[in-house]
Every structure is written in C-alpha cells, then in structure tokens.
Amino acid sequence: MGWILFIIGTLGWHIGMYGMFKKAGIEPWKAFIPFYNTWCIVNKTNIRKVWFWLQFIPIAGQFITIWITIIFVMHFAKFSLLDHIATVLFPFIYFPYLGYSSKVKYVGHEVVKRYHKSATREWIDAAVFAVVAATIIRTFVFEAYTIPTESMEKTLLVNDFLFVNKMSYGPRIPQTPISFPFVHNIMPFSTTTPSYTKLVQIPYTRLPGFQQVKRNEVVVFNFPAGDTIINLPEFGSKNPYYDVLRNQFKGNRDALMAEYPILVHPMDKTDNYIKRCIAIGGDTLLIKDGKVYIDGKASPIPAASQTEYLVETNGQPFSDEFLQTQLHINTENDNGQIYAFEGKANTYVINMTPGEAEIVKKQPNFKSIQFAFSNMPGSTFPYSDDYLWTPDNFGPVYVPAKGSTITLTPENIAIYRRLITTYEGNKLEERGGKFFINGQQTNTYKCKWNYYWMMGDNRHRSQDSRYWGFVPETNIVGKASLIWFSWENGPRWNRLFKTIK
C-alpha cells in the first residue's frame, strides 16, 4: 500500500510540474529529469546557484529541495501558509492544480519582490516552513538513505541513494526528540560530537503501519550493538565496542574505558544499518554450508547476492575485459573482489553472484568451482564455547516472537541474555545454575517484542546478525523501497528509480 501511494505521489508531482514549467516558459519535458528540473527552477526564480549544489548534501539536501520548490510556487502568486502546506504535503494534488488551472498564472520574480513582505522575509519564512515540514516527512513518511558499505552488494551498491518507507511498518515516535535538525547522531563537521541531548526520552511507541516485517524484505534499522561505541572516527560502528571489548580486552570494561572514550547512544540514535530480513519472530534459522534454512526449508537466494567462490583455472588467468564486462569487477581497484588463493595453484577467490558463477563455468580456462566457506569456529554470536558456530555453518537458533516463551538453560542463556537485559530492560542474575529475573527465580522468559534476523546479501563481507544476534522490533526504521539516484564517477543511469527486491 505504501509503495502504491509513493508511485501515485511521484506521478502527480511530475505531471503537475510539467504544467507549471510550461506556464513559466520552461520547456516542460525538463520537469521529468531529476535535479535538472530544480536547476531550471533555480535559474528561473533567480535563486543563487549555490543552493542547487547544496541539494547534494546528505540528509540536509532534501530540505533545500523543498525550499526551492516553495520559492517556485511563490512565483505563481501563492504566498499563504496553506499554499506552503499543500506544496509540501500534497504536491501530487496541488501541483496539477497550479499547472493546469486557468485561474493560476505564472507571475514571475517581480511580483514576488513586490509582495507586502520583503523578499528576504518571505524566503526566510519559506525556509523555516520547509525545515518543519520536511522534518515531519522525514520522521513519519519517507527518509533518504545512502548506502555506505558493500554489505548488500550487488543488490545495493555503495552510493546508491534510497527512499526508506517508514509507513510500511509504522513510523516511530522519536524517542530522543531534542536534536540538531537534518542529522542522525553526530553533528555536522564533527566525527564525535553527539547531535542530540538525552534530557528528554520518550518510551518506544510505533504508529500503525500497512504491514509487518516480512521475510526477505530489505530493511533499515538501528544497529542493535551500536548502543555503546568507542567515540573515535576509526571505531564507532566500523569497529564495534563489543568486538573490541571481547577480542582486545577479554571482557575487561574498566581497562577499555581507561584507554578509549566511550559514548552511549539512545536506541533511536544508533547508526542506521540496512540488511535483508532472513527470519522473523517464531522462525528457527539454520545455516548449513552457506545455505540458509528457515524451519527446515531452504530460503530463497537473492538473485544479486554475492558470496566467495574458489575458482580453479587451467593456468590461463581471466582477462581484464571478462572481469569488467561479465563479473563487473573494476580491474584498477577490485576492492578484493578477486585475488589469488594461496593454498592452491591457478586458483582464485572471486566474490560474485550465483548468475556470475554460471558465466565463469562456461569460460574456456575454467577447471573447477566450489564455495569458499568461512570456517572460524566461535567467531560468531553468541561467542560461547557451547556454540562453536561459523558464518557458513550456524545454528539452529530460535528467533523469538512477541509473546513467545523461552525455556532458559545454562547453555542457551548466552543467546538470550542481551535480549532479556538490554532490549527488554530486565535485571537478570545467574546463581548456582539458576536464573533470577527482576528478583524472581524462573527458568522461562516471555518476550515483550518481535525479533528479526538480518543478513547482508554480500554474505562473506557483511557485519550482520551472525555476529551480533537479534534485531528487536523497537529498532526497525522502515522498508527500503526505491533507488532514486546512484553515483560512481558519475550517475549510474541504469539504477535510477529502480525498485528494491
């Protein structure tokens, strides 16, 4: 439903803008070209050119675009607050009215200047309204998101710009409402200064959505293990606090805090991650030889997912042309997508999709291929001697659903300890093999929230639930819906307005 509304809104916006361009004396076809349409508006309305380029600033740019649009509407003699509200909230209805109604004329810049408010005052008012309105949209409807890492390749590429639909699963009421506008958790031009204050904290509340999170949907969520970070640029979510605590300091928190600055984020201010939901509450997940099984049934493999293969050749290497055109590997900077395997001559580790693996099999120099399994027992969640799982052979593990009851044992407490204490806010004590929750002895626990298991499509290069466990429903931000722009040494035109599957 949310996706249908988005399509209707996008079509209405562009159809209306077509008519508005025509009235303004701009070639109307230009209204359909992303960014070029705002360039035309900037030129027509005598806005300084710098504002066009400021649109490309992550997050803040979307507010600038709204402000530019409001200025354009003012050139149709529409100055009231209601006109501005319609511009921001109902452009798919209001723009066609401006573009095609015989009662509305394009009046131009001189009329805007003669309006009883000064041009400066009018522009400031428009800017303030744009900020407020866009903040509401960003909080409750859609938010722009940029892919920062390769964990979802080749489904999503670094520098894909997405719309995240917050209506799908229901928008959250901001839990940390006092913060600097336009940014998530760190101040602009800083790498360590928080952009919020914890003086006001609101309990988790989610408004009704169109649906629940479903298996295999691509979801944006707050990183569960990002509540505590080492507050240095080279750490944060890139090198999580809990990994450093476990691997470098052997669980000694005092020693870690004596060496590094620590920052504790509120849940809604932890870094945003994007992964595919592999399992939902009530599922039992198993990964065997790199293949995912849910309740004993094989999970579908995303067509654009990547994993590492060992490929043996007859001694003749693959040509640069083949790597570039067929496997889409940049031979000048392959980013480790292909490298020689040290354990066997004429053998390469290639990170590629299942479809690309089939292409490799048809090459004249091909000899053999197999999965390159990641075999490091104990390198995954829950980091317990009772569970020596690996990234490619993991589980089975039960993903809790809201209202489900877990029987606690000395073995499985490592899996559910953080769920009980951190995500659901209980006090858990373990004494003599017995469990005490909030002072009461028990061997069961009833879950308050739904939980999800998230994994990246780039299976061997993804920091995901295999390393930090469950994602609670409280952390869900929204559904990744549409790639609206993509960039790598220039626009990737074939990815614009591509739906996410």
Protein backbone atom coordinates (compact mmCIF):
# COMPACT_ATOMS: atom_id res chain seq x y z
CA MET A 1 0.00 0.00 0.00
CA GLY A 2 2.79 2.45 0.93
CA TRP A 3 4.52 1.69 -2.37
CA ILE A 4 1.34 2.40 -4.36
CA LEU A 5 0.91 5.74 -2.59
CA PHE A 6 4.50 6.62 -3.38
CA ILE A 7 4.00 5.89 -7.11
CA ILE A 8 0.82 7.98 -7.18
CA GLY A 9 2.57 10.82 -5.39
CA THR A 10 5.58 10.74 -7.72
CA LEU A 11 3.44 10.75 -10.87
CA GLY A 12 1.26 13.57 -9.58
CA TRP A 13 4.30 15.65 -8.66
CA HIS A 14 5.88 15.31 -12.11
CA ILE A 15 2.66 15.75 -14.08
CA GLY A 16 1.89 18.91 -12.13
CA MET A 17 5.43 20.20 -12.51
CA TYR A 18 5.16 19.64 -16.28
CA GLY A 19 2.25 22.07 -16.42
CA MET A 20 3.97 24.55 -14.11
CA PHE A 21 7.12 24.54 -16.27
CA LYS A 22 5.00 25.20 -19.35
CA LYS A 23 3.31 28.20 -17.70
CA ALA A 24 6.68 29.51 -16.51
CA GLY A 25 8.12 29.41 -20.03
CA ILE A 26 10.43 26.48 -19.34
CA GLU A 27 10.47 23.57 -21.77
CA PRO A 28 8.06 21.23 -19.94
CA TRP A 29 9.92 17.97 -20.66
CA LYS A 30 12.67 19.21 -18.37
CA ALA A 31 10.32 18.68 -15.42
CA PHE A 32 10.87 14.91 -15.69
CA ILE A 33 14.69 14.96 -15.34
CA PRO A 34 15.86 14.59 -11.71
CA PHE A 35 17.97 17.50 -10.41
CA TYR A 36 17.91 19.20 -13.81
CA ASN A 37 14.34 20.24 -13.01
CA THR A 38 15.48 22.04 -9.85
CA TRP A 39 18.37 23.59 -11.81
CA CYS A 40 15.75 25.07 -14.15
CA ILE A 41 13.74 26.37 -11.17
CA VAL A 42 16.83 27.96 -9.63
CA ASN A 43 17.59 29.75 -12.90
CA LYS A 44 14.00 30.88 -13.45
CA THR A 45 13.48 32.25 -9.93
CA ASN A 46 16.87 33.96 -9.59
CA ILE A 47 17.89 31.80 -6.64
CA ARG A 48 21.65 31.77 -6.12
CA LYS A 49 23.24 28.79 -7.89
CA VAL A 50 24.94 27.61 -4.73
CA TRP A 51 21.55 26.39 -3.44
CA PHE A 52 21.29 23.93 -6.30
CA TRP A 53 24.59 22.31 -5.32
CA LEU A 54 23.67 22.26 -1.65
CA GLN A 55 20.90 19.79 -2.52
CA PHE A 56 23.57 17.10 -2.77
CA ILE A 57 24.45 17.33 0.92
CA PRO A 58 23.23 14.07 2.52
CA ILE A 59 20.00 14.48 4.51
CA ALA A 60 20.02 18.32 4.58
CA GLY A 61 19.76 18.41 0.79
CA GLN A 62 16.17 17.17 0.81
CA PHE A 63 15.11 20.17 2.90
CA ILE A 64 16.82 22.54 0.48
CA THR A 65 14.95 20.92 -2.42
CA ILE A 66 11.64 21.52 -0.62
CA TRP A 67 12.59 25.15 -0.01
CA ILE A 68 13.43 25.65 -3.70
CA THR A 69 10.04 24.17 -4.62
CA ILE A 70 8.23 26.53 -2.25
CA ILE A 71 10.02 29.52 -3.83
CA PHE A 72 8.87 28.31 -7.27
CA VAL A 73 5.26 28.08 -6.04
CA MET A 74 5.51 31.67 -4.76
CA HIS A 75 6.17 32.74 -8.37
CA PHE A 76 2.61 31.61 -9.11
CA ALA A 77 1.39 34.22 -6.55
CA LYS A 78 0.88 31.57 -3.87
CA PHE A 79 2.17 33.06 -0.61
CA SER A 80 -0.07 31.77 2.18
CA LEU A 81 0.71 29.15 4.81
CA LEU A 82 -1.95 26.88 3.30
CA ASP A 83 -0.22 27.14 -0.09
CA HIS A 84 3.04 26.08 1.51
CA ILE A 85 1.38 23.21 3.38
CA ALA A 86 -0.16 21.96 0.13
CA THR A 87 3.23 22.25 -1.61
CA VAL A 88 4.95 20.06 0.95
CA LEU A 89 2.28 17.57 1.97
CA PHE A 90 0.05 17.29 -1.10
CA PRO A 91 2.16 18.23 -4.15
CA PHE A 92 0.67 15.36 -6.20
CA ILE A 93 -2.69 17.20 -5.98
CA TYR A 94 -1.60 20.81 -5.65
CA PHE A 95 0.96 20.92 -8.47
CA PRO A 96 -1.51 19.64 -11.12
CA TYR A 97 -3.89 22.37 -9.93
CA LEU A 98 -1.18 25.04 -10.35
CA GLY A 99 -0.07 23.61 -13.67
CA TYR A 100 -3.43 23.19 -15.36
CA SER A 101 -5.95 25.53 -13.72
CA SER A 102 -6.90 28.51 -15.88
CA LYS A 103 -7.20 30.56 -12.68
CA VAL A 104 -3.49 30.28 -11.86
CA LYS A 105 -0.87 32.28 -13.75
CA TYR A 106 2.90 32.44 -13.53
CA VAL A 107 3.57 35.98 -12.24
CA GLY A 108 7.36 35.95 -12.05
CA HIS A 109 10.06 37.32 -9.80
CA GLU A 110 8.97 40.97 -9.84
CA VAL A 111 5.59 40.14 -8.27
CA VAL A 112 7.33 38.15 -5.54
CA LYS A 113 9.57 41.14 -4.80
CA ARG A 114 6.54 43.50 -4.56
CA TYR A 115 4.65 41.23 -2.16
CA HIS A 116 3.98 43.12 1.10
CA LYS A 117 6.56 41.09 2.96
CA SER A 118 10.13 41.73 1.93
CA ALA A 119 11.64 39.09 -0.34
CA THR A 120 14.16 38.27 2.36
CA ARG A 121 11.42 37.82 4.97
CA GLU A 122 9.34 35.69 2.60
CA TRP A 123 12.28 33.46 1.77
CA ILE A 124 13.13 33.05 5.45
CA ASP A 125 9.51 32.11 6.22
CA ALA A 126 9.56 29.61 3.38
CA ALA A 127 12.82 28.14 4.63
CA VAL A 128 11.52 27.74 8.19
CA PHE A 129 8.35 26.08 6.95
CA ALA A 130 10.37 23.80 4.66
CA VAL A 131 12.51 22.68 7.61
CA VAL A 132 9.50 21.95 9.81
CA ALA A 133 7.51 20.21 7.08
CA ALA A 134 10.44 18.19 5.82
CA THR A 135 11.28 17.11 9.38
CA ILE A 136 7.74 15.75 9.74
CA ILE A 137 8.04 13.92 6.41
CA ARG A 138 11.45 12.52 7.32
CA THR A 139 10.23 11.36 10.73
CA PHE A 140 6.94 9.78 9.74
CA VAL A 141 6.79 9.13 5.98
CA PHE A 142 9.99 8.81 3.94
CA GLU A 143 13.67 9.29 4.65
CA ALA A 144 16.60 9.43 2.27
CA TYR A 145 19.36 6.92 2.98
CA THR A 146 22.75 6.41 1.32
CA ILE A 147 24.44 3.01 1.08
CA PRO A 148 27.80 3.40 2.86
CA THR A 149 29.28 -0.11 2.58
CA GLU A 150 29.33 -3.13 0.29
CA SER A 151 27.44 -5.46 2.65
CA MET A 152 24.36 -5.61 0.37
CA GLU A 153 26.15 -5.86 -2.98
CA LYS A 154 25.19 -6.45 -5.64
CA THR A 155 21.57 -5.89 -4.67
CA LEU A 156 22.55 -2.43 -3.43
CA LEU A 157 25.77 -0.63 -4.34
CA VAL A 158 27.86 1.87 -2.42
CA ASN A 159 26.47 5.37 -3.15
CA ASP A 160 23.01 4.16 -4.05
CA PHE A 161 20.58 6.78 -2.70
CA LEU A 162 17.37 5.22 -1.37
CA PHE A 163 13.96 6.20 -0.13
CA VAL A 164 13.11 4.40 3.11
CA ASN A 165 9.35 4.00 3.56
CA LYS A 166 8.50 4.49 7.25
CA MET A 167 4.78 4.00 6.68
CA SER A 168 5.21 0.34 5.76
CA TYR A 169 5.88 -0.94 9.27
CA GLY A 170 4.51 2.13 11.06
CA PRO A 171 6.53 5.26 11.92
CA ARG A 172 8.06 5.54 15.36
CA ILE A 173 7.50 8.49 17.66
CA PRO A 174 11.02 9.97 18.16
CA GLN A 175 12.44 8.60 21.39
CA THR A 176 15.11 11.30 21.55
CA PRO A 177 13.17 14.33 20.26
CA ILE A 178 15.63 17.13 21.09
CA SER A 179 18.35 17.02 18.48
CA PHE A 180 20.03 19.10 15.80
CA PRO A 181 17.87 19.08 12.64
CA PHE A 182 18.79 17.18 9.49
CA VAL A 183 21.37 14.86 11.07
CA HIS A 184 21.13 11.49 12.75
CA ASN A 185 23.54 11.20 15.68
CA ILE A 186 26.74 13.19 15.05
CA MET A 187 26.99 16.95 14.49
CA PRO A 188 27.96 18.24 11.03
CA PHE A 189 31.68 18.81 10.52
CA SER A 190 32.43 16.60 13.53
CA THR A 191 33.19 12.92 13.91
CA THR A 192 32.50 12.58 17.63
CA THR A 193 30.10 15.29 18.91
CA PRO A 194 26.54 14.00 19.53
CA SER A 195 23.77 15.86 17.73
CA TYR A 196 21.19 15.24 20.47
CA THR A 197 20.55 15.58 24.16
CA LYS A 198 19.18 12.87 26.46
CA LEU A 199 17.32 15.36 28.66
CA VAL A 200 14.01 14.17 27.18
CA GLN A 201 13.44 10.49 26.44
CA ILE A 202 10.08 9.09 25.26
CA PRO A 203 9.19 5.39 25.66
CA TYR A 204 9.09 3.33 22.46
CA THR A 205 5.85 3.97 20.55
CA ARG A 206 5.07 2.97 16.98
CA LEU A 207 2.09 4.16 15.00
CA PRO A 208 0.11 1.59 12.97
CA GLY A 209 1.68 0.57 9.66
CA PHE A 210 0.50 -1.10 6.49
CA GLN A 211 2.20 -4.43 7.25
CA GLN A 212 4.59 -6.38 9.46
CA VAL A 213 8.19 -7.03 8.50
CA LYS A 214 8.27 -10.00 6.13
CA ARG A 215 10.98 -12.49 5.28
CA ASN A 216 13.40 -11.40 2.55
CA GLU A 217 12.44 -7.72 2.67
CA VAL A 218 15.28 -5.18 2.72
CA VAL A 219 15.01 -3.26 5.98
CA VAL A 220 16.69 -0.23 7.56
CA PHE A 221 17.13 -0.47 11.33
CA ASN A 222 19.13 0.96 14.23
CA PHE A 223 22.25 -1.13 14.80
CA PRO A 224 21.46 -3.11 18.00
CA ALA A 225 25.10 -3.45 19.07
CA GLY A 226 25.70 0.24 18.41
CA ASP A 227 24.24 1.46 21.70
CA THR A 228 27.76 1.76 23.09
CA ILE A 229 30.63 2.88 20.86
CA ILE A 230 34.27 3.84 21.14
CA ASN A 231 33.91 7.51 20.24
CA LEU A 232 36.75 7.79 17.75
CA PRO A 233 36.44 8.01 13.94
CA GLU A 234 38.25 4.72 13.35
CA PHE A 235 35.90 2.84 15.71
CA GLY A 236 32.17 3.63 16.01
CA SER A 237 30.12 1.01 14.15
CA LYS A 238 33.02 0.16 11.86
CA ASN A 239 34.86 -1.49 14.76
CA PRO A 240 32.14 -2.08 17.38
CA TYR A 241 32.77 -1.58 21.06
CA TYR A 242 31.65 -5.10 21.96
CA ASP A 243 34.10 -6.65 19.47
CA VAL A 244 36.98 -4.62 20.91
CA LEU A 245 35.89 -5.45 24.46
CA ARG A 246 35.77 -9.17 23.69
CA ASN A 247 38.83 -9.54 21.45
CA GLN A 248 41.29 -6.96 22.74
CA PHE A 249 40.32 -6.55 26.39
CA LYS A 250 38.93 -10.05 27.15
CA GLY A 251 35.80 -8.55 28.69
CA ASN A 252 37.60 -6.05 30.95
CA ARG A 253 35.38 -2.96 30.63
CA ASP A 254 37.41 -0.86 33.06
CA ALA A 255 40.58 -1.37 31.04
CA LEU A 256 38.82 -0.46 27.80
CA MET A 257 37.27 2.68 29.27
CA ALA A 258 40.62 3.74 30.66
CA GLU A 259 42.11 3.67 27.16
CA TYR A 260 39.27 4.87 24.91
CA PRO A 261 36.49 7.50 25.07
CA ILE A 262 33.04 5.86 25.28
CA LEU A 263 29.69 7.18 24.04
CA VAL A 264 26.36 5.53 24.85
CA HIS A 265 23.70 6.24 22.21
CA PRO A 266 19.95 6.11 22.86
CA MET A 267 18.46 3.27 20.82
CA ASP A 268 16.98 5.51 18.11
CA LYS A 269 20.31 7.31 17.69
CA THR A 270 22.47 4.27 16.99
CA ASP A 271 23.78 4.09 13.43
CA ASN A 272 21.36 3.04 10.70
CA TYR A 273 22.06 -0.33 9.07
CA ILE A 274 20.44 -1.90 6.02
CA LYS A 275 20.14 -5.68 5.57
CA ARG A 276 17.74 -8.32 4.34
CA CYS A 277 15.34 -9.83 6.89
CA ILE A 278 16.10 -13.55 6.70
CA ALA A 279 13.91 -14.72 9.60
CA ILE A 280 11.04 -13.27 11.61
CA GLY A 281 9.75 -13.96 15.11
CA GLY A 282 8.77 -17.63 15.54
CA ASP A 283 11.24 -18.94 12.93
CA THR A 284 14.08 -21.34 13.56
CA LEU A 285 17.12 -20.47 11.47
CA LEU A 286 19.89 -22.77 10.31
CA ILE A 287 22.84 -22.00 8.01
CA LYS A 288 24.44 -25.13 6.59
CA ASP A 289 27.33 -24.94 4.12
CA GLY A 290 26.43 -21.33 3.38
CA LYS A 291 22.76 -22.04 2.63
CA VAL A 292 20.00 -20.62 4.83
CA TYR A 293 17.15 -22.81 6.05
CA ILE A 294 14.05 -21.49 7.84
CA ASP A 295 12.07 -24.12 9.78
CA GLY A 296 13.88 -26.79 7.75
CA LYS A 297 13.08 -25.28 4.33
CA ALA A 298 15.68 -23.68 2.07
CA SER A 299 15.40 -19.90 1.98
CA PRO A 300 15.37 -18.28 -1.49
CA ILE A 301 18.71 -16.85 -2.60
CA PRO A 302 18.50 -13.21 -3.76
CA ALA A 303 19.49 -13.07 -7.44
CA ALA A 304 22.02 -10.29 -6.86
CA SER A 305 23.53 -11.70 -3.66
CA GLN A 306 27.27 -12.33 -3.57
CA THR A 307 29.42 -14.94 -1.92
CA GLU A 308 33.02 -16.05 -2.32
CA TYR A 309 33.90 -18.95 -4.62
CA LEU A 310 37.15 -20.82 -5.16
CA VAL A 311 37.68 -20.93 -8.92
CA GLU A 312 40.43 -23.10 -10.43
CA THR A 313 41.63 -22.38 -13.96
CA ASN A 314 43.84 -24.30 -16.39
CA GLY A 315 46.63 -21.82 -15.74
CA GLN A 316 45.28 -19.11 -18.02
CA PRO A 317 44.00 -16.11 -15.99
CA PHE A 318 40.75 -14.32 -16.71
CA SER A 319 41.13 -11.30 -18.98
CA ASP A 320 40.51 -7.77 -17.72
CA GLU A 321 37.73 -7.41 -20.29
CA PHE A 322 35.95 -10.50 -18.95
CA LEU A 323 36.27 -9.33 -15.34
CA GLN A 324 34.93 -5.88 -16.18
CA THR A 325 32.10 -6.74 -18.56
CA GLN A 326 30.90 -10.10 -17.22
CA LEU A 327 31.75 -10.02 -13.50
CA HIS A 328 31.59 -6.22 -13.09
CA ILE A 329 34.91 -6.10 -11.29
CA ASN A 330 36.95 -2.91 -11.55
CA THR A 331 40.40 -4.19 -12.53
CA GLU A 332 42.07 -0.94 -11.46
CA ASN A 333 40.60 -1.16 -7.95
CA ASP A 334 38.93 -4.53 -7.45
CA ASN A 335 38.46 -3.93 -3.69
CA GLY A 336 39.37 -7.56 -3.04
CA GLN A 337 36.65 -8.92 -5.32
CA ILE A 338 39.23 -11.30 -6.85
CA TYR A 339 42.58 -12.47 -5.52
CA ALA A 340 44.87 -15.48 -5.78
CA PHE A 341 44.18 -18.33 -3.34
CA GLU A 342 47.41 -19.19 -1.55
CA GLY A 343 46.54 -22.80 -0.83
CA LYS A 344 46.32 -23.99 -4.44
CA ALA A 345 47.98 -23.03 -7.73
CA ASN A 346 45.91 -21.41 -10.51
CA THR A 347 43.05 -20.86 -8.05
CA TYR A 348 41.29 -17.59 -7.27
CA VAL A 349 38.85 -16.38 -4.66
CA ILE A 350 36.12 -14.49 -6.53
CA ASN A 351 33.25 -12.69 -4.81
CA MET A 352 30.28 -12.91 -7.20
CA THR A 353 26.61 -13.68 -7.67
CA PRO A 354 25.22 -17.17 -8.48
CA GLY A 355 24.50 -15.97 -12.02
CA GLU A 356 28.06 -14.77 -12.48
CA ALA A 357 29.34 -18.12 -11.20
CA GLU A 358 27.41 -19.81 -14.01
CA ILE A 359 29.11 -17.49 -16.52
CA VAL A 360 32.52 -18.44 -15.10
CA LYS A 361 31.77 -22.13 -15.63
CA LYS A 362 31.37 -21.53 -19.36
CA GLN A 363 34.80 -19.96 -19.85
CA PRO A 364 37.45 -21.93 -21.81
CA ASN A 365 40.02 -21.64 -19.00
CA PHE A 366 37.59 -22.88 -16.31
CA LYS A 367 38.50 -26.06 -14.45
CA SER A 368 36.52 -26.23 -11.17
CA ILE A 369 34.49 -24.14 -8.74
CA GLN A 370 33.32 -24.50 -5.13
CA PHE A 371 32.11 -22.32 -2.29
CA ALA A 372 34.84 -20.67 -0.23
CA PHE A 373 33.48 -21.48 3.20
CA SER A 374 34.32 -19.33 6.20
CA ASN A 375 35.44 -21.82 8.84
CA MET A 376 36.27 -19.99 12.07
CA PRO A 377 34.51 -21.77 14.98
CA GLY A 378 33.46 -19.44 17.78
CA SER A 379 33.84 -16.28 15.64
CA THR A 380 30.11 -15.59 15.67
CA PHE A 381 27.25 -14.80 18.02
CA PRO A 382 26.81 -15.77 20.83
CA TYR A 383 30.60 -16.12 21.36
CA SER A 384 30.22 -19.04 23.72
CA ASP A 385 32.13 -22.32 24.00
CA ASP A 386 28.75 -24.04 23.84
CA TYR A 387 28.18 -22.70 20.30
CA LEU A 388 31.24 -23.07 18.09
CA TRP A 389 29.36 -21.90 15.02
CA THR A 390 30.87 -20.34 11.89
CA PRO A 391 29.45 -17.76 9.47
CA ASP A 392 28.61 -20.55 6.97
CA ASN A 393 27.52 -23.22 9.45
CA PHE A 394 25.37 -21.55 12.07
CA GLY A 395 22.51 -22.62 14.31
CA PRO A 396 19.87 -23.81 14.67
CA VAL A 397 18.69 -20.77 16.62
CA TYR A 398 15.12 -19.81 17.52
CA VAL A 399 14.11 -16.21 16.72
CA PRO A 400 11.63 -15.09 19.39
CA ALA A 401 8.20 -13.70 18.60
CA LYS A 402 6.18 -11.30 20.73
CA GLY A 403 4.52 -13.31 23.49
CA SER A 404 6.61 -16.44 22.91
CA THR A 405 8.10 -18.17 25.93
CA ILE A 406 11.75 -19.26 26.02
CA THR A 407 12.93 -22.02 28.31
CA LEU A 408 16.24 -20.88 29.76
CA THR A 409 19.18 -23.24 30.22
CA PRO A 410 22.85 -22.72 31.16
CA GLU A 411 23.66 -23.42 27.50
CA ASN A 412 21.20 -21.11 25.71
CA ILE A 413 21.37 -18.17 28.13
CA ALA A 414 24.26 -16.80 26.04
CA ILE A 415 21.85 -16.46 23.11
CA TYR A 416 19.08 -14.69 25.00
CA ARG A 417 20.93 -12.77 27.75
CA ARG A 418 21.16 -9.48 25.85
CA LEU A 419 17.54 -9.79 24.69
CA ILE A 420 16.32 -10.12 28.29
CA THR A 421 18.51 -7.39 29.79
CA THR A 422 19.29 -4.75 27.15
CA TYR A 423 16.41 -4.96 24.67
CA GLU A 424 13.63 -5.63 27.18
CA GLY A 425 15.08 -3.87 30.22
CA ASN A 426 15.10 -6.61 32.85
CA LYS A 427 17.59 -7.42 35.58
CA LEU A 428 19.00 -10.93 35.09
CA GLU A 429 21.06 -12.77 37.68
CA GLU A 430 22.58 -16.23 37.38
CA ARG A 431 23.35 -18.01 40.65
CA GLY A 432 24.22 -21.67 41.03
CA GLY A 433 22.81 -22.60 37.64
CA LYS A 434 19.52 -20.86 38.45
CA PHE A 435 18.08 -17.72 36.86
CA PHE A 436 16.54 -14.74 38.61
CA ILE A 437 14.71 -12.12 36.53
CA ASN A 438 13.85 -8.93 38.44
CA GLY A 439 14.49 -10.83 41.66
CA GLN A 440 12.18 -13.77 40.85
CA GLN A 441 13.58 -17.26 40.26
CA THR A 442 12.44 -18.72 36.93
CA ASN A 443 13.57 -20.93 34.08
CA THR A 444 11.35 -19.29 31.43
CA TYR A 445 11.01 -15.86 29.87
CA LYS A 446 8.07 -14.39 27.90
CA CYS A 447 9.20 -11.99 25.17
CA LYS A 448 7.82 -8.46 25.01
CA TRP A 449 8.76 -7.71 21.37
CA ASN A 450 9.08 -9.38 17.99
CA TYR A 451 12.63 -10.10 16.85
CA TYR A 452 14.25 -10.42 13.43
CA TRP A 453 17.36 -11.97 11.91
CA MET A 454 19.12 -9.67 9.43
CA MET A 455 21.84 -10.63 6.96
CA GLY A 456 23.64 -8.85 4.14
CA ASP A 457 23.38 -10.12 0.56
CA ASN A 458 27.18 -9.92 0.32
CA ARG A 459 27.37 -12.93 2.61
CA HIS A 460 31.12 -13.09 3.29
CA ARG A 461 31.50 -9.33 3.69
CA SER A 462 28.66 -8.35 5.93
CA GLN A 463 28.51 -7.45 9.61
CA ASP A 464 25.09 -8.83 10.46
CA SER A 465 23.04 -10.95 12.86
CA ARG A 466 25.57 -13.78 12.64
CA TYR A 467 27.89 -11.53 14.64
CA TRP A 468 25.58 -9.61 16.98
CA GLY A 469 22.29 -11.53 17.12
CA PHE A 470 18.67 -10.43 17.03
CA VAL A 471 17.17 -7.12 15.92
CA PRO A 472 14.22 -6.10 18.14
CA GLU A 473 11.16 -4.50 16.59
CA THR A 474 11.94 -1.33 18.54
CA ASN A 475 14.95 -0.80 16.24
CA ILE A 476 13.09 -1.09 12.93
CA VAL A 477 13.21 2.19 10.95
CA GLY A 478 11.50 1.31 7.67
CA LYS A 479 11.43 -0.60 4.42
CA ALA A 480 13.94 0.19 1.67
CA SER A 481 11.69 0.94 -1.30
CA LEU A 482 13.36 2.74 -4.20
CA ILE A 483 16.77 3.77 -5.53
CA TRP A 484 16.20 7.38 -6.58
CA PHE A 485 19.81 8.14 -7.51
CA SER A 486 23.16 6.34 -7.78
CA TRP A 487 26.69 7.60 -8.29
CA GLU A 488 30.11 6.17 -9.18
CA ASN A 489 32.36 8.55 -11.09
CA GLY A 490 29.10 9.93 -12.50
CA PRO A 491 25.44 8.92 -12.38
CA ARG A 492 24.60 5.23 -12.73
CA TRP A 493 21.66 5.89 -15.02
CA ASN A 494 20.53 2.25 -15.16
CA ARG A 495 19.88 2.26 -11.39
CA LEU A 496 17.70 5.40 -11.18
CA PHE A 497 14.17 4.71 -9.90
CA LYS A 498 14.92 1.01 -9.54
CA THR A 499 12.77 -0.85 -7.02
CA ILE A 500 14.50 -2.87 -4.32
CA LYS A 501 13.81 -6.60 -4.27
